[in-house]
């Protein structure tokens, strides 16, 4: 299952693994949209193998496992990590470098 998660995480420039009921994940998705990115969203509670994928995320070092944010195929962290990157200005540059945004 870890291979499937790695594959999904690298298919788009920005990828968020989440659950539909997670309000923190909703805020992260909104932030990405505001920055001009259109991330791939994988809601694990709507995936047939969602529990296994969540376990695989933990096994890959994602703690907490939800939300797990990948940019350019690389795990960048959870919500607090992404907010910190946004506050210090580096999130937008990471999205540019991964070609998730162009401006």
PDB file of N, CA and C in Angstrom:
ATOM      1  N   UNK A   1       0.817  -1.197   0.000  1.00  0.00           N
ATOM      2  CA  UNK A   1       0.000   0.000   0.000  1.00  0.00           C
ATOM      3  C   UNK A   1       0.863   1.265   0.000  1.00  0.00           C
ATOM      4  N   UNK A   2       2.035   1.201   0.606  1.00  0.00           N
ATOM      5  CA  UNK A   2       2.924   2.370   0.625  1.00  0.00           C
ATOM      6  C   UNK A   2       3.303   2.775  -0.794  1.00  0.00           C
ATOM      7  N   UNK A   3       3.481   1.809  -1.687  1.00  0.00           N
ATOM      8  CA  UNK A   3       3.811   2.130  -3.077  1.00  0.00           C
ATOM      9  C   UNK A   3       2.676   2.890  -3.748  1.00  0.00           C
ATOM     10  N   UNK A   4       1.435   2.496  -3.460  1.00  0.00           N
ATOM     11  CA  UNK A   4       0.275   3.191  -4.032  1.00  0.00           C
ATOM     12  C   UNK A   4       0.235   4.631  -3.526  1.00  0.00           C
ATOM     13  N   UNK A   5       0.482   4.823  -2.238  1.00  0.00           N
ATOM     14  CA  UNK A   5       0.477   6.168  -1.664  1.00  0.00           C
ATOM     15  C   UNK A   5       1.580   7.008  -2.308  1.00  0.00           C
ATOM     16  N   UNK A   6       2.772   6.446  -2.446  1.00  0.00           N
ATOM     17  CA  UNK A   6       3.887   7.173  -3.092  1.00  0.00           C
ATOM     18  C   UNK A   6       3.532   7.555  -4.531  1.00  0.00           C
ATOM     19  N   UNK A   7       2.895   6.623  -5.235  1.00  0.00           N
ATOM     20  CA  UNK A   7       2.504   6.887  -6.624  1.00  0.00           C
ATOM     21  C   UNK A   7       1.483   8.027  -6.686  1.00  0.00           C
ATOM     22  N   UNK A   8       0.455   7.962  -5.843  1.00  0.00           N
ATOM     23  CA  UNK A   8      -0.551   9.026  -5.820  1.00  0.00           C
ATOM     24  C   UNK A   8       0.070  10.361  -5.423  1.00  0.00           C
ATOM     25  N   UNK A   9       1.006  10.333  -4.482  1.00  0.00           N
ATOM     26  CA  UNK A   9       1.636  11.552  -3.985  1.00  0.00           C
ATOM     27  C   UNK A   9       2.492  12.229  -5.043  1.00  0.00           C
ATOM     28  N   UNK A  10       2.916  11.486  -6.053  1.00  0.00           N
ATOM     29  CA  UNK A  10       3.792  12.071  -7.067  1.00  0.00           C
ATOM     30  C   UNK A  10       3.084  12.317  -8.400  1.00  0.00           C
ATOM     31  N   UNK A  11       1.783  12.023  -8.482  1.00  0.00           N
ATOM     32  CA  UNK A  11       1.066  12.192  -9.748  1.00  0.00           C
ATOM     33  C   UNK A  11       0.801  13.651 -10.096  1.00  0.00           C
ATOM     34  N   UNK A  12       0.621  14.496  -9.088  1.00  0.00           N
ATOM     35  CA  UNK A  12       0.397  15.924  -9.323  1.00  0.00           C
ATOM     36  C   UNK A  12       1.412  16.714  -8.514  1.00  0.00           C
ATOM     37  N   UNK A  13       1.556  17.986  -8.866  1.00  0.00           N
ATOM     38  CA  UNK A  13       2.532  18.838  -8.183  1.00  0.00           C
ATOM     39  C   UNK A  13       2.189  19.030  -6.711  1.00  0.00           C
ATOM     40  N   UNK A  14       0.895  19.052  -6.395  1.00  0.00           N
ATOM     41  CA  UNK A  14       0.455  19.203  -5.001  1.00  0.00           C
ATOM     42  C   UNK A  14      -0.616  18.153  -4.720  1.00  0.00           C
ATOM     43  N   UNK A  15      -0.444  17.430  -3.615  1.00  0.00           N
ATOM     44  CA  UNK A  15      -1.364  16.339  -3.265  1.00  0.00           C
ATOM     45  C   UNK A  15      -1.665  16.420  -1.777  1.00  0.00           C
ATOM     46  N   UNK A  16      -2.952  16.284  -1.442  1.00  0.00           N
ATOM     47  CA  UNK A  16      -3.377  16.305  -0.047  1.00  0.00           C
ATOM     48  C   UNK A  16      -4.176  15.045   0.239  1.00  0.00           C
ATOM     49  N   UNK A  17      -3.732  14.282   1.233  1.00  0.00           N
ATOM     50  CA  UNK A  17      -4.487  13.137   1.730  1.00  0.00           C
ATOM     51  C   UNK A  17      -5.252  13.625   2.948  1.00  0.00           C
ATOM     52  N   UNK A  18      -6.552  13.387   2.963  1.00  0.00           N
ATOM     53  CA  UNK A  18      -7.405  13.955   3.991  1.00  0.00           C
ATOM     54  C   UNK A  18      -8.617  13.068   4.242  1.00  0.00           C
ATOM     55  N   UNK A  19      -9.517  13.563   5.058  1.00  0.00           N
ATOM     56  CA  UNK A  19     -10.835  12.963   5.250  1.00  0.00           C
ATOM     57  C   UNK A  19     -11.856  14.073   5.063  1.00  0.00           C
ATOM     58  N   UNK A  20     -13.000  13.726   4.510  1.00  0.00           N
ATOM     59  CA  UNK A  20     -14.004  14.742   4.181  1.00  0.00           C
ATOM     60  C   UNK A  20     -14.502  15.491   5.406  1.00  0.00           C
ATOM     61  N   UNK A  21     -14.431  14.879   6.574  1.00  0.00           N
ATOM     62  CA  UNK A  21     -14.952  15.502   7.795  1.00  0.00           C
ATOM     63  C   UNK A  21     -13.923  16.341   8.543  1.00  0.00           C
ATOM     64  N   UNK A  22     -12.702  16.438   8.024  1.00  0.00           N
ATOM     65  CA  UNK A  22     -11.623  17.125   8.735  1.00  0.00           C
ATOM     66  C   UNK A  22     -11.646  18.625   8.416  1.00  0.00           C
ATOM     67  N   UNK A  23     -11.980  19.441   9.427  1.00  0.00           N
ATOM     68  CA  UNK A  23     -12.060  20.886   9.198  1.00  0.00           C
ATOM     69  C   UNK A  23     -10.685  21.499   8.961  1.00  0.00           C
ATOM     70  N   UNK A  24      -9.651  20.955   9.562  1.00  0.00           N
ATOM     71  CA  UNK A  24      -8.292  21.453   9.332  1.00  0.00           C
ATOM     72  C   UNK A  24      -7.900  21.227   7.866  1.00  0.00           C
ATOM     73  N   UNK A  25      -8.230  20.061   7.358  1.00  0.00           N
ATOM     74  CA  UNK A  25      -7.922  19.755   5.962  1.00  0.00           C
ATOM     75  C   UNK A  25      -8.655  20.708   5.029  1.00  0.00           C
ATOM     76  N   UNK A  26      -9.880  21.060   5.368  1.00  0.00           N
ATOM     77  CA  UNK A  26     -10.642  22.008   4.561  1.00  0.00           C
ATOM     78  C   UNK A  26      -9.900  23.343   4.487  1.00  0.00           C
ATOM     79  N   UNK A  27      -9.354  23.782   5.603  1.00  0.00           N
ATOM     80  CA  UNK A  27      -8.604  25.043   5.639  1.00  0.00           C
ATOM     81  C   UNK A  27      -7.348  24.960   4.777  1.00  0.00           C
ATOM     82  N   UNK A  28      -6.657  23.833   4.807  1.00  0.00           N
ATOM     83  CA  UNK A  28      -5.449  23.663   3.996  1.00  0.00           C
ATOM     84  C   UNK A  28      -5.810  23.672   2.515  1.00  0.00           C
ATOM     85  N   UNK A  29      -6.892  22.973   2.149  1.00  0.00           N
ATOM     86  CA  UNK A  29      -7.328  22.984   0.753  1.00  0.00           C
ATOM     87  C   UNK A  29      -7.649  24.408   0.318  1.00  0.00           C
ATOM     88  N   UNK A  30      -8.339  25.157   1.159  1.00  0.00           N
ATOM     89  CA  UNK A  30      -8.686  26.541   0.834  1.00  0.00           C
ATOM     90  C   UNK A  30      -7.431  27.390   0.637  1.00  0.00           C
ATOM     91  N   UNK A  31      -6.432  27.201   1.483  1.00  0.00           N
ATOM     92  CA  UNK A  31      -5.181  27.930   1.351  1.00  0.00           C
ATOM     93  C   UNK A  31      -4.535  27.653  -0.004  1.00  0.00           C
ATOM     94  N   UNK A  32      -4.476  26.387  -0.396  1.00  0.00           N
ATOM     95  CA  UNK A  32      -3.873  26.037  -1.682  1.00  0.00           C
ATOM     96  C   UNK A  32      -4.640  26.688  -2.828  1.00  0.00           C
ATOM     97  N   UNK A  33      -5.977  26.651  -2.771  1.00  0.00           N
ATOM     98  CA  UNK A  33      -6.784  27.279  -3.818  1.00  0.00           C
ATOM     99  C   UNK A  33      -6.542  28.782  -3.861  1.00  0.00           C
ATOM    100  N   UNK A  34      -6.443  29.428  -2.696  1.00  0.00           N
ATOM    101  CA  UNK A  34      -6.184  30.869  -2.643  1.00  0.00           C
ATOM    102  C   UNK A  34      -4.829  31.219  -3.253  1.00  0.00           C
ATOM    103  N   UNK A  35      -3.860  30.326  -3.109  1.00  0.00           N
ATOM    104  CA  UNK A  35      -2.540  30.552  -3.681  1.00  0.00           C
ATOM    105  C   UNK A  35      -2.499  30.244  -5.178  1.00  0.00           C
ATOM    106  N   UNK A  36      -3.589  29.704  -5.711  1.00  0.00           N
ATOM    107  CA  UNK A  36      -3.664  29.406  -7.140  1.00  0.00           C
ATOM    108  C   UNK A  36      -3.356  27.974  -7.507  1.00  0.00           C
ATOM    109  N   UNK A  37      -3.145  27.130  -6.523  1.00  0.00           N
ATOM    110  CA  UNK A  37      -2.849  25.713  -6.786  1.00  0.00           C
ATOM    111  C   UNK A  37      -4.139  24.915  -6.869  1.00  0.00           C
ATOM    112  N   UNK A  38      -4.099  23.846  -7.601  1.00  0.00           N
ATOM    113  CA  UNK A  38      -5.238  22.935  -7.706  1.00  0.00           C
ATOM    114  C   UNK A  38      -4.747  21.534  -7.326  1.00  0.00           C
ATOM    115  N   UNK A  39      -4.647  21.284  -6.015  1.00  0.00           N
ATOM    116  CA  UNK A  39      -4.067  20.009  -5.578  1.00  0.00           C
ATOM    117  C   UNK A  39      -4.975  18.813  -5.848  1.00  0.00           C
ATOM    118  N   UNK A  40      -4.356  17.657  -5.996  1.00  0.00           N
ATOM    119  CA  UNK A  40      -5.124  16.413  -6.018  1.00  0.00           C
ATOM    120  C   UNK A  40      -5.540  16.145  -4.577  1.00  0.00           C
ATOM    121  N   UNK A  41      -6.801  15.861  -4.368  1.00  0.00           N
ATOM    122  CA  UNK A  41      -7.342  15.603  -3.037  1.00  0.00           C
ATOM    123  C   UNK A  41      -7.748  14.136  -2.964  1.00  0.00           C
ATOM    124  N   UNK A  42      -7.214  13.439  -1.975  1.00  0.00           N
ATOM    125  CA  UNK A  42      -7.592  12.039  -1.758  1.00  0.00           C
ATOM    126  C   UNK A  42      -8.256  11.954  -0.387  1.00  0.00           C
ATOM    127  N   UNK A  43      -9.588  11.850  -0.387  1.00  0.00           N
ATOM    128  CA  UNK A  43     -10.337  11.744   0.871  1.00  0.00           C
ATOM    129  C   UNK A  43     -10.403  10.274   1.246  1.00  0.00           C
ATOM    130  N   UNK A  44      -9.629   9.920   2.257  1.00  0.00           N
ATOM    131  CA  UNK A  44      -9.451   8.512   2.606  1.00  0.00           C
ATOM    132  C   UNK A  44     -10.731   7.852   3.090  1.00  0.00           C
ATOM    133  N   UNK A  45     -11.670   8.646   3.639  1.00  0.00           N
ATOM    134  CA  UNK A  45     -12.937   8.048   4.063  1.00  0.00           C
ATOM    135  C   UNK A  45     -13.844   7.742   2.866  1.00  0.00           C
ATOM    136  N   UNK A  46     -13.447   8.154   1.661  1.00  0.00           N
ATOM    137  CA  UNK A  46     -14.198   7.840   0.448  1.00  0.00           C
ATOM    138  C   UNK A  46     -13.448   6.867  -0.454  1.00  0.00           C
ATOM    139  N   UNK A  47     -12.275   6.434  -0.029  1.00  0.00           N
ATOM    140  CA  UNK A  47     -11.475   5.474  -0.798  1.00  0.00           C
ATOM    141  C   UNK A  47     -11.738   4.063  -0.262  1.00  0.00           C
ATOM    142  N   UNK A  48     -11.854   3.106  -1.163  1.00  0.00           N
ATOM    143  CA  UNK A  48     -12.114   1.734  -0.711  1.00  0.00           C
ATOM    144  C   UNK A  48     -10.979   1.201   0.171  1.00  0.00           C
ATOM    145  N   UNK A  49      -9.767   1.628  -0.084  1.00  0.00           N
ATOM    146  CA  UNK A  49      -8.632   1.180   0.726  1.00  0.00           C
ATOM    147  C   UNK A  49      -8.111   2.320   1.610  1.00  0.00           C
ATOM    148  N   UNK A  50      -9.007   3.194   2.034  1.00  0.00           N
ATOM    149  CA  UNK A  50      -8.627   4.374   2.806  1.00  0.00           C
ATOM    150  C   UNK A  50      -7.926   4.072   4.116  1.00  0.00           C
ATOM    151  N   UNK A  51      -8.404   3.064   4.850  1.00  0.00           N
ATOM    152  CA  UNK A  51      -7.761   2.725   6.129  1.00  0.00           C
ATOM    153  C   UNK A  51      -6.336   2.242   5.923  1.00  0.00           C
ATOM    154  N   UNK A  52      -6.158   1.422   4.896  1.00  0.00           N
ATOM    155  CA  UNK A  52      -4.823   0.921   4.596  1.00  0.00           C
ATOM    156  C   UNK A  52      -3.915   2.069   4.144  1.00  0.00           C
ATOM    157  N   UNK A  53      -4.470   3.001   3.366  1.00  0.00           N
ATOM    158  CA  UNK A  53      -3.688   4.141   2.907  1.00  0.00           C
ATOM    159  C   UNK A  53      -3.285   5.024   4.090  1.00  0.00           C
ATOM    160  N   UNK A  54      -4.202   5.213   5.039  1.00  0.00           N
ATOM    161  CA  UNK A  54      -3.877   6.005   6.221  1.00  0.00           C
ATOM    162  C   UNK A  54      -2.762   5.340   7.023  1.00  0.00           C
ATOM    163  N   UNK A  55      -2.828   4.032   7.149  1.00  0.00           N
ATOM    164  CA  UNK A  55      -1.782   3.288   7.843  1.00  0.00           C
ATOM    165  C   UNK A  55      -0.448   3.411   7.097  1.00  0.00           C
ATOM    166  N   UNK A  56      -0.496   3.342   5.777  1.00  0.00           N
ATOM    167  CA  UNK A  56       0.719   3.482   4.971  1.00  0.00           C
ATOM    168  C   UNK A  56       1.314   4.882   5.133  1.00  0.00           C
ATOM    169  N   UNK A  57       0.463   5.904   5.221  1.00  0.00           N
ATOM    170  CA  UNK A  57       0.958   7.271   5.443  1.00  0.00           C
ATOM    171  C   UNK A  57       1.710   7.359   6.764  1.00  0.00           C
ATOM    172  N   UNK A  58       1.144   6.748   7.805  1.00  0.00           N
ATOM    173  CA  UNK A  58       1.845   6.723   9.100  1.00  0.00           C
ATOM    174  C   UNK A  58       3.188   6.014   8.960  1.00  0.00           C
ATOM    175  N   UNK A  59       3.203   4.907   8.222  1.00  0.00           N
ATOM    176  CA  UNK A  59       4.429   4.154   8.008  1.00  0.00           C
ATOM    177  C   UNK A  59       5.483   4.939   7.232  1.00  0.00           C
ATOM    178  N   UNK A  60       5.032   5.914   6.436  1.00  0.00           N
ATOM    179  CA  UNK A  60       5.957   6.758   5.670  1.00  0.00           C
ATOM    180  C   UNK A  60       6.419   7.968   6.477  1.00  0.00           C
ATOM    181  N   UNK A  61       5.978   8.039   7.729  1.00  0.00           N
ATOM    182  CA  UNK A  61       6.423   9.132   8.592  1.00  0.00           C
ATOM    183  C   UNK A  61       5.455  10.284   8.721  1.00  0.00           C
ATOM    184  N   UNK A  62       4.279  10.150   8.168  1.00  0.00           N
ATOM    185  CA  UNK A  62       3.269  11.208   8.261  1.00  0.00           C
ATOM    186  C   UNK A  62       2.589  11.112   9.627  1.00  0.00           C
ATOM    187  N   UNK A  63       2.844  12.083  10.484  1.00  0.00           N
ATOM    188  CA  UNK A  63       2.275  12.054  11.825  1.00  0.00           C
ATOM    189  C   UNK A  63       1.904  13.478  12.237  1.00  0.00           C
ATOM    190  N   UNK A  64       0.624  13.805  12.341  1.00  0.00           N
ATOM    191  CA  UNK A  64      -0.532  12.931  12.154  1.00  0.00           C
ATOM    192  C   UNK A  64      -0.677  12.534  10.684  1.00  0.00           C
ATOM    193  N   UNK A  65      -1.402  11.459  10.457  1.00  0.00           N
ATOM    194  CA  UNK A  65      -1.526  10.946   9.093  1.00  0.00           C
ATOM    195  C   UNK A  65      -2.443  11.800   8.228  1.00  0.00           C
ATOM    196  N   UNK A  66      -3.338  12.556   8.867  1.00  0.00           N
ATOM    197  CA  UNK A  66      -4.301  13.384   8.131  1.00  0.00           C
ATOM    198  C   UNK A  66      -4.277  14.788   8.693  1.00  0.00           C
ATOM    199  N   UNK A  67      -4.185  15.827   7.920  1.00  0.00           N
ATOM    200  CA  UNK A  67      -3.869  15.804   6.499  1.00  0.00           C
ATOM    201  C   UNK A  67      -2.375  15.571   6.271  1.00  0.00           C
ATOM    202  N   UNK A  68      -2.086  14.912   5.172  1.00  0.00           N
ATOM    203  CA  UNK A  68      -0.698  14.707   4.746  1.00  0.00           C
ATOM    204  C   UNK A  68      -0.527  15.440   3.427  1.00  0.00           C
ATOM    205  N   UNK A  69       0.400  16.385   3.396  1.00  0.00           N
ATOM    206  CA  UNK A  69       0.556  17.243   2.231  1.00  0.00           C
ATOM    207  C   UNK A  69       1.884  16.931   1.540  1.00  0.00           C
ATOM    208  N   UNK A  70       1.802  16.710   0.236  1.00  0.00           N
ATOM    209  CA  UNK A  70       2.958  16.440  -0.597  1.00  0.00           C
ATOM    210  C   UNK A  70       3.048  17.523  -1.660  1.00  0.00           C
ATOM    211  N   UNK A  71       4.246  18.038  -1.875  1.00  0.00           N
ATOM    212  CA  UNK A  71       4.495  19.013  -2.940  1.00  0.00           C
ATOM    213  C   UNK A  71       5.689  18.498  -3.732  1.00  0.00           C
ATOM    214  N   UNK A  72       5.489  18.389  -5.038  1.00  0.00           N
ATOM    215  CA  UNK A  72       6.562  17.860  -5.873  1.00  0.00           C
ATOM    216  C   UNK A  72       6.913  16.431  -5.535  1.00  0.00           C
ATOM    217  N   UNK A  73       5.955  15.668  -5.057  1.00  0.00           N
ATOM    218  CA  UNK A  73       6.175  14.266  -4.707  1.00  0.00           C
ATOM    219  C   UNK A  73       6.846  14.054  -3.370  1.00  0.00           C
ATOM    220  N   UNK A  74       7.119  15.142  -2.641  1.00  0.00           N
ATOM    221  CA  UNK A  74       7.831  15.056  -1.355  1.00  0.00           C
ATOM    222  C   UNK A  74       6.889  15.437  -0.222  1.00  0.00           C
ATOM    223  N   UNK A  75       6.904  14.654   0.840  1.00  0.00           N
ATOM    224  CA  UNK A  75       6.085  14.948   2.013  1.00  0.00           C
ATOM    225  C   UNK A  75       6.609  16.216   2.669  1.00  0.00           C
ATOM    226  N   UNK A  76       5.729  17.218   2.808  1.00  0.00           N
ATOM    227  CA  UNK A  76       6.154  18.473   3.440  1.00  0.00           C
ATOM    228  C   UNK A  76       5.601  18.624   4.844  1.00  0.00           C
ATOM    229  N   UNK A  77       4.637  17.784   5.214  1.00  0.00           N
ATOM    230  CA  UNK A  77       4.144  17.826   6.580  1.00  0.00           C
ATOM    231  C   UNK A  77       2.637  17.805   6.686  1.00  0.00           C
ATOM    232  N   UNK A  78       2.198  18.149   7.885  1.00  0.00           N
ATOM    233  CA  UNK A  78       0.765  18.191   8.173  1.00  0.00           C
ATOM    234  C   UNK A  78       0.315  19.649   8.132  1.00  0.00           C
ATOM    235  N   UNK A  79      -0.859  19.917   8.654  1.00  0.00           N
ATOM    236  CA  UNK A  79      -1.431  21.262   8.598  1.00  0.00           C
ATOM    237  C   UNK A  79      -0.526  22.293   9.261  1.00  0.00           C
ATOM    238  N   UNK A  80      -0.027  21.996  10.456  1.00  0.00           N
ATOM    239  CA  UNK A  80       0.794  22.998  11.160  1.00  0.00           C
ATOM    240  C   UNK A  80       2.074  23.296  10.398  1.00  0.00           C
ATOM    241  N   UNK A  81       2.644  22.290   9.751  1.00  0.00           N
ATOM    242  CA  UNK A  81       3.858  22.500   8.960  1.00  0.00           C
ATOM    243  C   UNK A  81       3.581  23.397   7.757  1.00  0.00           C
ATOM    244  N   UNK A  82       2.458  23.143   7.089  1.00  0.00           N
ATOM    245  CA  UNK A  82       2.099  23.936   5.910  1.00  0.00           C
ATOM    246  C   UNK A  82       1.781  25.378   6.301  1.00  0.00           C
ATOM    247  N   UNK A  83       1.098  25.570   7.423  1.00  0.00           N
ATOM    248  CA  UNK A  83       0.807  26.930   7.896  1.00  0.00           C
ATOM    249  C   UNK A  83       2.123  27.654   8.195  1.00  0.00           C
ATOM    250  N   UNK A  84       3.065  26.982   8.841  1.00  0.00           N
ATOM    251  CA  UNK A  84       4.372  27.589   9.118  1.00  0.00           C
ATOM    252  C   UNK A  84       5.090  27.968   7.831  1.00  0.00           C
ATOM    253  N   UNK A  85       5.040  27.091   6.834  1.00  0.00           N
ATOM    254  CA  UNK A  85       5.669  27.386   5.547  1.00  0.00           C
ATOM    255  C   UNK A  85       5.002  28.581   4.879  1.00  0.00           C
ATOM    256  N   UNK A  86       3.693  28.690   5.041  1.00  0.00           N
ATOM    257  CA  UNK A  86       2.961  29.815   4.455  1.00  0.00           C
ATOM    258  C   UNK A  86       3.342  31.121   5.161  1.00  0.00           C
ATOM    259  N   UNK A  87       3.392  31.090   6.476  1.00  0.00           N
ATOM    260  CA  UNK A  87       3.704  32.284   7.257  1.00  0.00           C
ATOM    261  C   UNK A  87       5.111  32.798   6.932  1.00  0.00           C
ATOM    262  N   UNK A  88       6.066  31.887   6.777  1.00  0.00           N
ATOM    263  CA  UNK A  88       7.433  32.353   6.500  1.00  0.00           C
ATOM    264  C   UNK A  88       7.681  32.606   5.008  1.00  0.00           C
ATOM    265  N   UNK A  89       6.647  32.401   4.179  1.00  0.00           N
ATOM    266  CA  UNK A  89       6.741  32.737   2.763  1.00  0.00           C
ATOM    267  C   UNK A  89       7.281  31.651   1.864  1.00  0.00           C
ATOM    268  N   UNK A  90       7.658  30.518   2.408  1.00  0.00           N
ATOM    269  CA  UNK A  90       8.288  29.495   1.572  1.00  0.00           C
ATOM    270  C   UNK A  90       7.293  28.558   0.874  1.00  0.00           C
ATOM    271  N   UNK A  91       6.050  28.500   1.347  1.00  0.00           N
ATOM    272  CA  UNK A  91       5.065  27.608   0.719  1.00  0.00           C
ATOM    273  C   UNK A  91       4.836  27.990  -0.742  1.00  0.00           C
ATOM    274  N   UNK A  92       4.643  29.268  -1.000  1.00  0.00           N
ATOM    275  CA  UNK A  92       4.377  29.715  -2.365  1.00  0.00           C
ATOM    276  C   UNK A  92       5.555  29.363  -3.281  1.00  0.00           C
ATOM    277  N   UNK A  93       6.779  29.559  -2.789  1.00  0.00           N
ATOM    278  CA  UNK A  93       7.955  29.215  -3.605  1.00  0.00           C
ATOM    279  C   UNK A  93       8.030  27.712  -3.859  1.00  0.00           C
ATOM    280  N   UNK A  94       7.687  26.912  -2.851  1.00  0.00           N
ATOM    281  CA  UNK A  94       7.678  25.452  -3.037  1.00  0.00           C
ATOM    282  C   UNK A  94       6.670  25.067  -4.120  1.00  0.00           C
ATOM    283  N   UNK A  95       5.497  25.696  -4.100  1.00  0.00           N
ATOM    284  CA  UNK A  95       4.473  25.419  -5.104  1.00  0.00           C
ATOM    285  C   UNK A  95       4.944  25.858  -6.492  1.00  0.00           C
ATOM    286  N   UNK A  96       5.639  26.987  -6.559  1.00  0.00           N
ATOM    287  CA  UNK A  96       6.197  27.440  -7.843  1.00  0.00           C
ATOM    288  C   UNK A  96       7.242  26.448  -8.344  1.00  0.00           C
ATOM    289  N   UNK A  97       8.158  26.050  -7.473  1.00  0.00           N
ATOM    290  CA  UNK A  97       9.228  25.125  -7.852  1.00  0.00           C
ATOM    291  C   UNK A  97       8.678  23.795  -8.358  1.00  0.00           C
ATOM    292  N   UNK A  98       7.545  23.361  -7.782  1.00  0.00           N
ATOM    293  CA  UNK A  98       6.919  22.092  -8.188  1.00  0.00           C
ATOM    294  C   UNK A  98       6.006  22.261  -9.399  1.00  0.00           C
ATOM    295  N   UNK A  99       5.881  23.519  -9.868  1.00  0.00           N
ATOM    296  CA  UNK A  99       5.004  23.869 -10.988  1.00  0.00           C
ATOM    297  C   UNK A  99       3.532  23.664 -10.672  1.00  0.00           C
ATOM    298  N   UNK A 100       3.183  23.828  -9.401  1.00  0.00           N
ATOM    299  CA  UNK A 100       1.774  23.782  -8.990  1.00  0.00           C
ATOM    300  C   UNK A 100       1.117  25.141  -9.226  1.00  0.00           C
ATOM    301  N   UNK A 101       1.940  26.191  -9.213  1.00  0.00           N
ATOM    302  CA  UNK A 101       1.496  27.546  -9.566  1.00  0.00           C
ATOM    303  C   UNK A 101       2.579  28.185 -10.416  1.00  0.00           C
ATOM    304  N   UNK A 102       2.201  29.230 -11.137  1.00  0.00           N
ATOM    305  CA  UNK A 102       3.157  29.840 -12.068  1.00  0.00           C
ATOM    306  C   UNK A 102       3.431  31.305 -11.769  1.00  0.00           C
ATOM    307  N   UNK A 103       2.850  31.857 -10.729  1.00  0.00           N
ATOM    308  CA  UNK A 103       3.013  33.300 -10.473  1.00  0.00           C
ATOM    309  C   UNK A 103       3.446  33.561  -9.064  1.00  0.00           C
TER     310      UNK A 103
END
